[in-house]
Amino acid sequence: MFDKYVYIFLHWVMGWSGQLSSWAWRGHVKILKKKQQQQHDELIRKKENDNYLKMLLRSTYGKRR
């Protein structure tokens, strides 16, 4: 009978540890996605700025020729 209670207790502990682990992974994924989104936004901003500068150079030097 004691074995049954030990099994039930260990099953309960394993269930909680699984939930805690899942919660931690979901939090970690949120952090990683946020960081990845910030890097993506920064890359897009740099690309837009680069394209704008190229357009300005073309329009500036195109008029002088």
Protein backbone atom coordinates (compact mmCIF):
# COMPACT_ATOMS: atom_id res chain seq x y z
CA MET A 1 0.00 0.00 0.00
CA PHE A 2 2.88 2.37 0.80
CA ASP A 3 4.29 1.79 -2.71
CA LYS A 4 1.04 3.05 -4.20
CA TYR A 5 1.31 6.35 -2.31
CA VAL A 6 4.96 6.75 -3.27
CA TYR A 7 4.03 6.15 -6.90
CA ILE A 8 1.17 8.66 -6.75
CA PHE A 9 3.42 11.25 -5.10
CA LEU A 10 6.22 10.75 -7.63
CA HIS A 11 3.73 10.91 -10.49
CA TRP A 12 2.43 14.22 -9.09
CA VAL A 13 5.97 15.60 -8.69
CA MET A 14 6.89 14.57 -12.24
CA GLY A 15 3.74 16.25 -13.56
CA TRP A 16 4.62 19.52 -11.83
CA SER A 17 8.24 19.37 -12.95
CA GLY A 18 7.06 18.84 -16.53
CA GLN A 19 4.77 21.84 -16.29
CA LEU A 20 7.54 23.96 -14.81
CA SER A 21 9.93 22.89 -17.55
CA SER A 22 7.34 23.71 -20.23
CA TRP A 23 6.73 27.11 -18.69
CA ALA A 24 10.46 27.85 -18.66
CA TRP A 25 10.86 26.81 -22.30
CA ARG A 26 7.94 28.97 -23.39
CA GLY A 27 9.50 31.94 -21.59
CA HIS A 28 12.86 31.22 -23.22
CA VAL A 29 11.24 31.03 -26.66
CA LYS A 30 9.52 34.39 -26.10
CA ILE A 31 12.87 35.97 -25.25
CA LEU A 32 14.54 34.46 -28.31
CA LYS A 33 11.70 35.50 -30.64
CA LYS A 34 11.81 39.06 -29.30
CA LYS A 35 15.57 39.23 -29.84
CA GLN A 36 15.24 37.76 -33.33
CA GLN A 37 12.49 40.26 -34.21
CA GLN A 38 14.66 43.18 -33.02
CA GLN A 39 17.56 41.96 -35.15
CA HIS A 40 15.24 41.56 -38.14
CA ASP A 41 13.84 45.06 -37.69
CA GLU A 42 17.35 46.48 -37.44
CA LEU A 43 18.37 44.67 -40.62
CA ILE A 44 15.31 46.01 -42.47
CA ARG A 45 16.06 49.55 -41.23
CA LYS A 46 19.67 49.33 -42.43
CA LYS A 47 18.54 48.00 -45.80
CA GLU A 48 15.99 50.80 -46.22
CA ASN A 49 18.60 53.41 -45.25
CA ASP A 50 21.09 51.93 -47.67
CA ASN A 51 18.55 51.96 -50.50
CA TYR A 52 17.65 55.57 -49.69
CA LEU A 53 21.31 56.62 -49.75
CA LYS A 54 21.82 54.87 -53.08
CA MET A 55 18.79 56.67 -54.48
CA LEU A 56 20.16 60.02 -53.25
CA LEU A 57 23.55 59.32 -54.79
CA ARG A 58 21.95 58.39 -58.11
CA SER A 59 19.76 61.50 -58.13
CA THR A 60 22.62 63.80 -57.04
CA TYR A 61 25.24 62.56 -59.46
CA GLY A 62 22.73 61.95 -62.22
CA LYS A 63 21.79 65.66 -62.33
CA ARG A 64 25.40 66.86 -62.65
CA ARG A 65 26.17 64.80 -65.70
